[in-house]
Amino acid sequence: MSIDLRELYQELILDHSKRPRNSRALEGACCTASGHNPLCGDQITVYVREEGDRLAEVTYVASGCAISVASASMMSEALRGKTRAEAEALVEAFQKMVTSTGETVETPEGLEVFAGVREHPVRIKCAVLPWHALRAAMGSDGGVGSHVSTE
């Protein structure tokens, strides 16, 4: 990755952490889950409102490092309007992208800024925490109202 591209990605992550999108509790959410990363102190609660099989809205309340807040912000934008199946596929693709070691993996469009996280293993948990909480909220990691931890 070129230095210019890396700097652009860092700027995008900082922008989302300083001005997070969709950061609020969501009244009328059908699903919620909370997560905690004790190594970094990151905490998040994810809220989902569905219309049929689509995620009409994904919001969150987060505190923590720039990586976790930016990941939550970008996740909330990327998932709006997706079906549950599309959301699950995006969660899988994101996790593979940030944890892959050498193999070529799909890079989810708009989320490639997090590909460099895999070079900093301690930051992987920060990036995936919102995604784990989303999965828990949708019931595929423990059910509605679940709590996840990246210990």
Protein backbone atom coordinates (compact mmCIF):
# COMPACT_ATOMS: atom_id res chain seq x y z
CA MET A 1 0.00 0.00 0.00
CA SER A 2 1.40 3.38 -0.94
CA ILE A 3 2.15 5.98 1.72
CA ASP A 4 -0.38 8.39 0.18
CA LEU A 5 -3.13 5.76 0.29
CA ARG A 6 -2.24 4.82 3.86
CA GLU A 7 -2.44 8.49 4.89
CA LEU A 8 -5.81 8.85 3.17
CA TYR A 9 -7.10 5.80 5.05
CA GLN A 10 -5.82 7.19 8.36
CA GLU A 11 -7.58 10.49 7.64
CA LEU A 12 -10.84 8.65 6.88
CA ILE A 13 -10.62 6.67 10.13
CA LEU A 14 -9.90 9.86 12.09
CA ASP A 15 -12.82 11.63 10.39
CA HIS A 16 -15.24 8.85 11.36
CA SER A 17 -13.89 8.74 14.92
CA LYS A 18 -14.16 12.51 15.40
CA ARG A 19 -17.51 12.85 13.57
CA PRO A 20 -19.16 9.45 13.95
CA ARG A 21 -22.18 8.78 11.76
CA ASN A 22 -25.37 7.23 13.20
CA SER A 23 -24.06 7.47 16.77
CA ARG A 24 -27.15 7.40 18.96
CA ALA A 25 -29.49 5.08 20.81
CA LEU A 26 -32.33 3.96 18.57
CA GLU A 27 -35.86 4.02 19.89
CA GLY A 28 -37.91 1.19 18.45
CA ALA A 29 -34.89 -1.03 17.81
CA CYS A 30 -35.82 -4.66 17.39
CA CYS A 31 -32.39 -5.91 18.38
CA THR A 32 -29.56 -4.68 20.57
CA ALA A 33 -26.29 -6.03 21.87
CA SER A 34 -23.39 -4.63 23.83
CA GLY A 35 -19.71 -5.36 23.55
CA HIS A 36 -16.56 -4.60 25.48
CA ASN A 37 -12.85 -4.82 24.68
CA PRO A 38 -11.09 -4.83 28.06
CA LEU A 39 -7.64 -4.48 26.49
CA CYS A 40 -8.44 -1.08 25.00
CA GLY A 41 -11.47 -0.05 27.06
CA ASP A 42 -13.76 0.06 24.02
CA GLN A 43 -17.47 -0.24 24.79
CA ILE A 44 -20.34 -0.34 22.33
CA THR A 45 -24.05 -0.97 22.16
CA VAL A 46 -25.46 -1.65 18.70
CA TYR A 47 -29.12 -1.05 17.82
CA VAL A 48 -30.90 -2.49 14.78
CA ARG A 49 -34.28 -1.59 13.34
CA GLU A 50 -35.57 -3.89 10.65
CA GLU A 51 -38.21 -3.50 7.99
CA GLY A 52 -39.04 -6.97 6.77
CA ASP A 53 -35.75 -8.77 6.17
CA ARG A 54 -33.79 -5.53 5.71
CA LEU A 55 -31.74 -3.56 8.21
CA ALA A 56 -33.51 -0.24 7.91
CA GLU A 57 -31.27 1.40 10.49
CA VAL A 58 -28.14 0.47 12.41
CA THR A 59 -27.00 2.83 15.15
CA TYR A 60 -24.68 2.54 18.11
CA VAL A 61 -23.42 4.23 21.22
CA ALA A 62 -19.66 3.78 21.52
CA SER A 63 -16.73 4.95 23.53
CA GLY A 64 -13.18 3.93 22.94
CA CYS A 65 -10.32 4.25 20.54
CA ALA A 66 -10.47 5.81 17.08
CA ILE A 67 -10.41 2.40 15.37
CA SER A 68 -13.45 1.00 17.19
CA VAL A 69 -15.53 4.18 16.85
CA ALA A 70 -14.64 4.57 13.16
CA SER A 71 -15.41 0.90 12.54
CA ALA A 72 -18.84 1.30 14.16
CA SER A 73 -19.52 4.45 12.17
CA MET A 74 -18.57 2.92 8.83
CA MET A 75 -20.38 -0.33 9.67
CA SER A 76 -23.60 1.57 10.36
CA GLU A 77 -23.41 3.24 6.97
CA ALA A 78 -22.44 0.08 5.08
CA LEU A 79 -25.30 -2.00 6.49
CA ARG A 80 -28.25 0.34 5.97
CA GLY A 81 -30.74 -1.32 3.64
CA LYS A 82 -28.96 -4.69 3.53
CA THR A 83 -30.82 -7.94 4.06
CA ARG A 84 -29.85 -10.08 7.03
CA ALA A 85 -28.02 -12.44 4.65
CA GLU A 86 -26.13 -9.54 3.04
CA ALA A 87 -25.27 -8.18 6.48
CA GLU A 88 -23.96 -11.56 7.63
CA ALA A 89 -21.86 -11.86 4.47
CA LEU A 90 -20.43 -8.38 5.06
CA VAL A 91 -19.57 -9.25 8.68
CA GLU A 92 -17.74 -12.38 7.47
CA ALA A 93 -15.89 -10.50 4.72
CA PHE A 94 -14.84 -7.74 7.16
CA GLN A 95 -13.54 -10.24 9.71
CA LYS A 96 -11.59 -12.15 7.08
CA MET A 97 -10.13 -8.93 5.70
CA VAL A 98 -8.78 -7.74 9.07
CA THR A 99 -7.57 -11.14 10.26
CA SER A 100 -6.12 -12.68 7.08
CA THR A 101 -2.44 -13.45 7.12
CA GLY A 102 -1.12 -13.71 3.62
CA GLU A 103 -4.05 -15.21 1.75
CA THR A 104 -5.97 -13.09 -0.72
CA VAL A 105 -9.39 -12.18 0.64
CA GLU A 106 -12.32 -10.12 -0.53
CA THR A 107 -12.10 -6.49 0.54
CA PRO A 108 -15.57 -5.12 1.29
CA GLU A 109 -16.18 -1.98 -0.75
CA GLY A 110 -15.93 1.15 1.36
CA LEU A 111 -14.30 -0.70 4.24
CA GLU A 112 -10.85 -1.28 2.74
CA VAL A 113 -9.50 1.42 5.08
CA PHE A 114 -9.39 -1.26 7.78
CA ALA A 115 -7.27 -3.73 5.79
CA GLY A 116 -4.11 -2.32 7.40
CA VAL A 117 -5.38 -3.23 10.87
CA ARG A 118 -4.16 -6.80 10.34
CA GLU A 119 -0.59 -5.41 10.51
CA HIS A 120 -1.33 -4.38 14.12
CA PRO A 121 -2.77 -7.47 15.85
CA VAL A 122 -3.68 -5.64 19.06
CA ARG A 123 -5.97 -3.36 17.00
CA ILE A 124 -7.90 -6.17 15.29
CA LYS A 125 -10.13 -6.58 18.36
CA CYS A 126 -10.89 -2.85 18.27
CA ALA A 127 -11.98 -3.03 14.63
CA VAL A 128 -14.14 -6.15 14.94
CA LEU A 129 -15.91 -5.29 18.21
CA PRO A 130 -18.80 -3.40 16.55
CA TRP A 131 -19.23 -6.22 14.05
CA HIS A 132 -19.36 -8.85 16.80
CA ALA A 133 -21.97 -6.77 18.63
CA LEU A 134 -24.01 -6.44 15.43
CA ARG A 135 -23.90 -10.18 14.90
CA ALA A 136 -25.05 -10.71 18.49
CA ALA A 137 -27.85 -8.18 18.03
CA MET A 138 -29.07 -10.04 14.95
CA GLY A 139 -29.15 -13.23 16.98
CA SER A 140 -26.43 -15.17 15.19
CA ASP A 141 -23.95 -14.87 18.07
CA GLY A 142 -26.10 -15.31 21.13
CA GLY A 143 -29.45 -13.63 20.68
CA VAL A 144 -31.22 -10.38 21.27
CA GLY A 145 -29.85 -8.29 24.10
CA SER A 146 -26.56 -10.18 24.10
CA HIS A 147 -23.22 -9.09 25.43
CA VAL A 148 -19.97 -9.85 23.61
CA SER A 149 -16.38 -9.38 24.63
CA THR A 150 -13.19 -9.49 22.58
CA GLU A 151 -11.08 -10.81 25.45
